[in-house]
C-alpha cells in the first residue's frame, strides 16, 4: 500500500500511481513507466521511493524459509527446502560445470565492489554499523577463503542485509532543464520475465530479452557504456547479467572479469561496476534497485566517490526474484548532455 501512504505523507494527490512490485527490478520498471507517463502528458514529475528496515527486523532474506502461496509452480522446488541463496548457488554450480568458471573469477566481482565501497564513506559506515570484521579492501584469496554459505558461494560473495532507503525524481524535459543540478536523461528501457521451462537454461537470465530493447531504444551498444550498475545480490548474479546485457558472450564472463577490469580506475577496460559498493559492500535493504539509479545519476553528474572520468553513459539493471527460477529484469540506459 506504499502508493497510498506516500501520497498522504506528502499531502499530494498524484495523477498516476504505480505500485509495481517485482523485487529488485521494481525501480527500473518504475523509471520506465514514469518516462512513459510523462511522455504521454499524464504527469510532469514522478517520485520513486523506497525504504526498508530489513536488518533491524532481522529478516533472513537469503537463508531463511520462503513465504508460501506466491507462485503456482512452487511445488517444483519448495518441497526440497530450497532457500534463495541455494537457488543462486545452483546457477553458479551450473555455470562452473558448463563453462569452466572458477571461484577465483567470481571473486573478482566482490573484490571490485569492495574496492569501490572503501572510497564511499556511507558504505564504510554501513559496514561498521553491521559489525563487519576487518573492514578493508579485499583480495581474491579473502573471498575464496571466506566461509562457504551455499556451495560454491562464499560469505563474501553474498550481499549484506541492511536498512536503507532512497528516492529518485523523474521530470519532464521542460522541468528538468530548470533544476539546480544538470539532468540525467533516460535514453532507453526494457523489461522481461523468466520462469522455469522444460529445456530452459538457468545460466541465462531475462536480461537477454530486456537489454536489447533498452539498447535499441537508446541507440547505443553495450561497448559504449561507462558505468554498469548491476544488481549484485550474489557474485553469480553479476556474472550472469554481464553476459546477458551483452558485455561479453555467454560463458565468457569468468575470463572477462579477471584482472580487476571492473574497477573505476580502469576506464579503458570496460564499464565500472557498482561504484557505490553495491549490495555486496554498501547496502542491501531487500530490494536495492533504486540505488542503481541513484549511483548511476551521481556518476553521470561527476559526484561519485569512485568517479569514472568523463562518464557519459550508464546502464542500471535490476533483477527481481530468484535467478535460477522465476525472476523479472528491468534495464534502464541513462546518459548526460
Protein backbone atom coordinates (compact mmCIF):
# COMPACT_ATOMS: atom_id res chain seq x y z
CA UNK A 1 0.00 0.00 0.00
CA UNK A 2 3.01 2.31 -0.36
CA UNK A 3 1.38 4.47 -3.02
CA UNK A 4 -1.45 5.43 -0.68
CA UNK A 5 0.84 6.06 2.28
CA UNK A 6 3.43 8.15 0.43
CA UNK A 7 0.76 10.33 -1.20
CA UNK A 8 -0.83 11.03 2.17
CA UNK A 9 2.53 11.60 3.88
CA UNK A 10 3.45 14.33 1.39
CA UNK A 11 -0.07 15.69 1.14
CA UNK A 12 -0.23 15.22 -2.63
CA UNK A 13 -2.86 13.82 -4.97
CA UNK A 14 -0.95 12.31 -7.90
CA UNK A 15 -2.50 11.71 -11.31
CA UNK A 16 -0.58 8.43 -11.73
CA UNK A 17 0.02 5.65 -9.19
CA UNK A 18 2.34 2.75 -9.95
CA UNK A 19 3.00 0.21 -7.22
CA UNK A 20 4.69 -2.40 -9.44
CA UNK A 21 6.37 -4.85 -7.07
CA UNK A 22 8.76 -7.19 -8.85
CA UNK A 23 11.57 -7.31 -6.31
CA UNK A 24 14.97 -5.87 -7.15
CA UNK A 25 13.92 -4.73 -10.63
CA UNK A 26 10.91 -2.73 -9.41
CA UNK A 27 12.52 0.68 -9.58
CA UNK A 28 13.98 0.28 -13.06
CA UNK A 29 10.49 -0.60 -14.24
CA UNK A 30 9.07 2.33 -12.25
CA UNK A 31 11.53 4.60 -14.06
CA UNK A 32 10.44 3.25 -17.43
CA UNK A 33 6.77 3.71 -16.54
CA UNK A 34 7.44 7.24 -15.29
CA UNK A 35 9.10 8.17 -18.57
CA UNK A 36 6.19 6.67 -20.49
CA UNK A 37 3.53 8.53 -18.49
CA UNK A 38 5.41 11.82 -18.66
CA UNK A 39 5.79 11.45 -22.42
CA UNK A 40 2.06 10.75 -22.64
CA UNK A 41 1.30 14.01 -20.83
CA UNK A 42 -0.21 12.32 -17.78
CA UNK A 43 2.37 13.85 -15.42
CA UNK A 44 5.30 16.26 -15.32
CA UNK A 45 7.17 14.99 -12.27
CA UNK A 46 7.38 11.46 -10.84
CA UNK A 47 8.70 10.39 -7.44
CA UNK A 48 10.16 6.92 -6.87
CA UNK A 49 10.57 5.98 -3.20
CA UNK A 50 11.77 3.03 -1.17
CA UNK A 51 12.57 2.28 2.43
CA UNK A 52 13.23 -0.91 4.37
CA UNK A 53 14.39 -1.95 7.84
CA UNK A 54 15.41 -5.45 6.79
CA UNK A 55 18.38 -5.56 9.17
CA UNK A 56 16.57 -4.09 12.17
CA UNK A 57 13.76 -6.56 11.62
CA UNK A 58 16.30 -9.42 11.37
CA UNK A 59 14.80 -10.65 8.13
CA UNK A 60 16.52 -13.80 6.87
CA UNK A 61 16.42 -12.73 3.24
CA UNK A 62 18.82 -15.23 1.72
CA UNK A 63 18.96 -18.25 4.00
CA UNK A 64 15.56 -18.23 5.69
CA UNK A 65 12.39 -20.01 4.65
CA UNK A 66 10.27 -18.63 1.85
CA UNK A 67 6.69 -17.40 2.04
CA UNK A 68 4.16 -19.81 0.61
CA UNK A 69 1.45 -19.31 -1.97
CA UNK A 70 3.33 -16.83 -4.14
CA UNK A 71 3.93 -18.92 -7.26
CA UNK A 72 1.79 -21.56 -8.97
CA UNK A 73 4.87 -23.73 -9.56
CA UNK A 74 6.21 -23.67 -6.00
CA UNK A 75 5.54 -27.40 -5.78
CA UNK A 76 8.54 -27.89 -8.08
CA UNK A 77 11.11 -26.70 -5.55
CA UNK A 78 9.55 -25.79 -2.18
CA UNK A 79 9.34 -29.41 -1.10
CA UNK A 80 13.13 -29.72 -1.28
CA UNK A 81 13.67 -26.80 1.10
CA UNK A 82 15.47 -24.63 -1.43
CA UNK A 83 16.38 -21.25 0.03
CA UNK A 84 17.05 -18.14 -2.01
CA UNK A 85 20.82 -18.45 -1.74
CA UNK A 86 20.65 -22.12 -2.71
CA UNK A 87 18.86 -21.07 -5.89
CA UNK A 88 21.74 -18.76 -6.83
CA UNK A 89 24.32 -21.36 -5.84
CA UNK A 90 22.64 -23.75 -8.25
CA UNK A 91 23.22 -21.24 -11.08
CA UNK A 92 26.85 -20.82 -10.04
CA UNK A 93 27.39 -24.58 -10.00
CA UNK A 94 25.85 -24.92 -13.45
CA UNK A 95 27.92 -22.02 -14.83
CA UNK A 96 31.08 -23.67 -13.49
CA UNK A 97 30.12 -27.03 -14.97
CA UNK A 98 29.07 -25.63 -18.34
CA UNK A 99 31.80 -23.05 -18.91
CA UNK A 100 34.65 -23.85 -16.52
CA UNK A 101 34.09 -20.72 -14.43
CA UNK A 102 36.13 -20.68 -11.22
CA UNK A 103 35.58 -19.37 -7.71
CA UNK A 104 38.54 -17.04 -8.23
CA UNK A 105 36.81 -15.48 -11.24
CA UNK A 106 33.56 -14.99 -9.33
CA UNK A 107 35.57 -13.42 -6.50
CA UNK A 108 36.69 -10.64 -8.87
CA UNK A 109 33.22 -9.15 -8.55
CA UNK A 110 33.31 -8.97 -4.76
CA UNK A 111 36.84 -7.53 -4.82
CA UNK A 112 35.86 -4.78 -7.26
CA UNK A 113 32.76 -3.73 -5.33
CA UNK A 114 34.67 -3.65 -2.02
CA UNK A 115 37.40 -1.55 -3.70
CA UNK A 116 34.70 0.99 -4.53
CA UNK A 117 32.98 0.70 -1.15
CA UNK A 118 36.13 1.66 0.73
CA UNK A 119 36.04 5.02 -1.08
CA UNK A 120 32.41 5.62 -0.12
CA UNK A 121 32.03 6.91 3.48
CA UNK A 122 28.37 5.83 3.57
CA UNK A 123 29.32 2.27 2.62
CA UNK A 124 32.09 2.15 5.23
CA UNK A 125 29.67 3.45 7.88
CA UNK A 126 27.13 0.78 6.89
CA UNK A 127 29.74 -1.96 7.26
CA UNK A 128 30.72 -0.57 10.67
CA UNK A 129 27.08 -0.44 11.79
CA UNK A 130 26.61 -4.04 10.69
CA UNK A 131 29.71 -5.14 12.65
CA UNK A 132 31.73 -6.23 9.64
CA UNK A 133 35.10 -7.64 10.73
CA UNK A 134 38.37 -6.23 9.39
CA UNK A 135 36.83 -3.59 7.11
CA UNK A 136 39.25 -3.02 4.24
CA UNK A 137 39.83 -3.73 0.59
CA UNK A 138 39.68 -7.48 -0.03
CA UNK A 139 41.63 -9.88 -2.22
CA UNK A 140 40.67 -12.89 -4.31
CA UNK A 141 42.11 -15.06 -1.54
CA UNK A 142 39.98 -13.30 1.09
CA UNK A 143 36.85 -14.13 -0.85
CA UNK A 144 37.56 -17.78 -1.65
CA UNK A 145 38.82 -18.40 1.88
CA UNK A 146 35.71 -16.93 3.50
CA UNK A 147 33.10 -19.27 4.93
CA UNK A 148 31.10 -21.35 2.45
CA UNK A 149 27.41 -20.43 2.62
CA UNK A 150 25.91 -22.43 -0.23
CA UNK A 151 28.43 -24.28 -2.37
CA UNK A 152 30.09 -22.70 -4.35
CA UNK A 153 29.12 -19.27 -2.96
CA UNK A 154 31.24 -17.95 -0.09
CA UNK A 155 30.31 -15.40 2.56
CA UNK A 156 31.99 -12.51 0.73
CA UNK A 157 30.05 -13.33 -2.42
CA UNK A 158 26.71 -12.70 -0.66
CA UNK A 159 25.05 -9.33 -0.24
CA UNK A 160 24.85 -7.67 3.12
CA UNK A 161 21.46 -7.22 4.81
CA UNK A 162 20.96 -3.61 5.88
CA UNK A 163 18.38 -0.94 6.49
CA UNK A 164 18.13 1.69 3.80
CA UNK A 165 16.03 3.97 1.68
CA UNK A 166 16.21 6.20 -1.34
CA UNK A 167 14.26 8.45 -3.68
CA UNK A 168 14.51 9.38 -7.35
CA UNK A 169 12.78 12.29 -9.07
CA UNK A 170 11.98 11.92 -12.78
CA UNK A 171 10.78 15.04 -14.56
CA UNK A 172 9.74 16.21 -17.99
CA UNK A 173 12.44 17.93 -20.09
CA UNK A 174 10.98 21.39 -19.52
CA UNK A 175 11.06 20.86 -15.75
CA UNK A 176 14.42 19.09 -15.64
CA UNK A 177 16.29 21.78 -17.55
CA UNK A 178 15.46 24.36 -14.89
CA UNK A 179 16.60 22.21 -11.95
CA UNK A 180 19.55 23.06 -9.70
CA UNK A 181 21.67 20.15 -10.95
CA UNK A 182 22.20 19.09 -14.57
CA UNK A 183 19.71 16.44 -15.69
CA UNK A 184 20.47 12.83 -16.40
CA UNK A 185 18.33 11.51 -19.23
CA UNK A 186 16.55 8.16 -19.56
CA UNK A 187 17.55 7.05 -23.05
CA UNK A 188 16.07 3.56 -23.18
CA UNK A 189 14.33 0.89 -21.16
CA UNK A 190 13.36 -2.75 -21.32
CA UNK A 191 11.64 -5.26 -19.09
CA UNK A 192 11.13 -9.01 -19.21
CA UNK A 193 10.37 -12.04 -17.11
CA UNK A 194 11.67 -15.59 -16.96
CA UNK A 195 10.38 -18.74 -15.31
CA UNK A 196 11.26 -22.44 -15.26
CA UNK A 197 10.58 -24.28 -18.51
CA UNK A 198 11.36 -27.72 -19.87
CA UNK A 199 14.74 -27.44 -21.52
CA UNK A 200 15.32 -23.98 -20.04
CA UNK A 201 18.82 -22.67 -19.29
CA UNK A 202 19.25 -21.44 -15.73
CA UNK A 203 22.51 -19.70 -16.70
CA UNK A 204 20.61 -17.29 -18.94
CA UNK A 205 18.51 -14.55 -17.35
CA UNK A 206 15.61 -12.40 -18.52
CA UNK A 207 18.16 -9.69 -19.35
CA UNK A 208 18.65 -11.32 -22.76
CA UNK A 209 15.15 -10.03 -23.55
CA UNK A 210 15.12 -6.68 -21.71
CA UNK A 211 18.61 -5.46 -22.63
CA UNK A 212 18.34 -5.46 -26.44
CA UNK A 213 15.10 -3.48 -26.18
CA UNK A 214 16.73 -0.87 -23.94
CA UNK A 215 19.91 -0.55 -26.00
CA UNK A 216 17.96 -0.31 -29.27
CA UNK A 217 15.75 2.45 -27.87
CA UNK A 218 18.82 4.32 -26.62
CA UNK A 219 20.59 3.85 -29.95
CA UNK A 220 23.83 2.61 -28.38
CA UNK A 221 25.68 -0.65 -27.80
CA UNK A 222 27.00 -2.20 -24.56
CA UNK A 223 30.57 -1.38 -25.61
CA UNK A 224 29.77 2.34 -25.19
CA UNK A 225 28.68 2.04 -21.54
CA UNK A 226 30.92 3.69 -18.92
CA UNK A 227 29.05 2.64 -15.76
CA UNK A 228 27.31 -0.69 -15.08
CA UNK A 229 25.08 -0.57 -12.04
CA UNK A 230 24.02 -4.22 -11.86
CA UNK A 231 22.00 -5.88 -9.13
CA UNK A 232 24.56 -7.76 -7.04
CA UNK A 233 22.64 -9.97 -4.66
CA UNK A 234 25.43 -12.51 -5.19
CA UNK A 235 28.56 -12.66 -7.33
CA UNK A 236 26.92 -15.04 -9.80
CA UNK A 237 24.09 -12.57 -10.35
CA UNK A 238 26.54 -10.03 -11.71
CA UNK A 239 28.48 -12.51 -13.83
CA UNK A 240 25.31 -13.82 -15.45
CA UNK A 241 23.94 -10.34 -16.09
CA UNK A 242 27.20 -9.01 -17.55
CA UNK A 243 26.92 -11.75 -20.15
CA UNK A 244 23.23 -11.28 -20.80
CA UNK A 245 23.50 -7.49 -21.06
CA UNK A 246 25.94 -8.02 -23.90
CA UNK A 247 29.28 -7.04 -22.36
CA UNK A 248 30.70 -10.45 -23.27
CA UNK A 249 29.45 -13.70 -24.76
CA UNK A 250 27.63 -16.33 -22.72
CA UNK A 251 30.13 -18.41 -20.81
CA UNK A 252 32.98 -15.92 -21.21
CA UNK A 253 32.12 -13.82 -18.15
CA UNK A 254 34.62 -15.52 -15.87
CA UNK A 255 37.61 -14.73 -18.03
CA UNK A 256 36.19 -11.31 -18.94
CA UNK A 257 36.11 -10.02 -15.34
CA UNK A 258 39.65 -11.14 -14.48
CA UNK A 259 42.41 -8.69 -13.60
CA UNK A 260 40.30 -6.04 -11.90
CA UNK A 261 38.76 -4.69 -15.11
CA UNK A 262 35.54 -3.75 -13.26
CA UNK A 263 37.27 -1.08 -11.14
CA UNK A 264 36.51 2.59 -11.67
CA UNK A 265 40.16 3.41 -12.34
CA UNK A 266 40.32 1.10 -15.37
CA UNK A 267 38.24 3.19 -17.83
CA UNK A 268 39.62 1.56 -20.96
CA UNK A 269 38.82 -1.99 -19.88
CA UNK A 270 35.05 -1.80 -19.81
CA UNK A 271 32.31 -0.43 -17.55
CA UNK A 272 32.98 0.29 -13.88
CA UNK A 273 30.79 -1.94 -11.71
CA UNK A 274 28.63 -0.74 -8.81
CA UNK A 275 30.80 2.21 -7.85
CA UNK A 276 28.93 2.86 -4.60
CA UNK A 277 30.00 -0.56 -3.29
CA UNK A 278 26.86 -2.36 -4.39
CA UNK A 279 24.75 -4.76 -2.42
CA UNK A 280 27.87 -6.70 -1.54
CA UNK A 281 29.54 -3.86 0.40
CA UNK A 282 27.32 -0.75 0.53
CA UNK A 283 23.67 -1.58 1.25
CA UNK A 284 21.05 -4.17 0.53
CA UNK A 285 17.77 -3.45 2.34
CA UNK A 286 15.87 -6.11 0.40
CA UNK A 287 15.17 -4.50 -3.00
CA UNK A 288 18.09 -2.22 -3.88
CA UNK A 289 17.17 -1.42 -7.47
CA UNK A 290 16.60 2.23 -6.59
CA UNK A 291 20.24 2.61 -5.54
CA UNK A 292 21.35 1.53 -9.01
CA UNK A 293 19.57 4.56 -10.46
CA UNK A 294 20.92 6.87 -7.76
CA UNK A 295 24.57 5.94 -8.19
CA UNK A 296 24.28 5.97 -11.99
CA UNK A 297 22.98 9.54 -11.78
CA UNK A 298 25.81 10.51 -9.41
CA UNK A 299 28.37 9.13 -11.83
CA UNK A 300 26.93 10.99 -14.80
CA UNK A 301 26.97 14.22 -12.74
CA UNK A 302 30.56 13.67 -11.61
CA UNK A 303 29.55 13.20 -7.96
CA UNK A 304 30.57 9.60 -7.20
CA UNK A 305 33.19 8.70 -4.61
CA UNK A 306 34.69 6.36 -7.23
CA UNK A 307 34.24 8.69 -10.15
CA UNK A 308 34.88 7.48 -13.70
CA UNK A 309 36.45 10.29 -15.67
CA UNK A 310 34.10 11.84 -18.23
CA UNK A 311 31.38 9.23 -17.72
CA UNK A 312 28.63 9.76 -20.29
CA UNK A 313 26.54 6.57 -20.41
CA UNK A 314 25.31 4.18 -17.74
CA UNK A 315 23.15 1.10 -17.51
CA UNK A 316 21.10 0.29 -14.40
CA UNK A 317 19.83 -3.27 -14.41
CA UNK A 318 17.65 -4.72 -11.68
CA UNK A 319 16.90 -8.39 -11.17
CA UNK A 320 13.93 -9.28 -9.01
CA UNK A 321 13.00 -12.75 -7.87
CA UNK A 322 15.27 -15.80 -7.99
CA UNK A 323 17.91 -16.01 -10.70
CA UNK A 324 17.73 -19.79 -11.08
CA UNK A 325 13.97 -19.99 -11.41
CA UNK A 326 11.46 -17.13 -11.83
CA UNK A 327 12.54 -13.50 -11.97
CA UNK A 328 11.93 -10.14 -13.62
CA UNK A 329 14.51 -7.98 -15.40
CA UNK A 330 14.45 -4.20 -15.71
CA UNK A 331 17.06 -2.40 -17.84
CA UNK A 332 17.48 1.38 -17.95
CA UNK A 333 20.01 3.25 -20.12
CA UNK A 334 21.00 6.68 -18.78
CA UNK A 335 23.02 9.47 -20.34
CA UNK A 336 24.02 13.10 -19.88
CA UNK A 337 24.24 16.07 -22.22
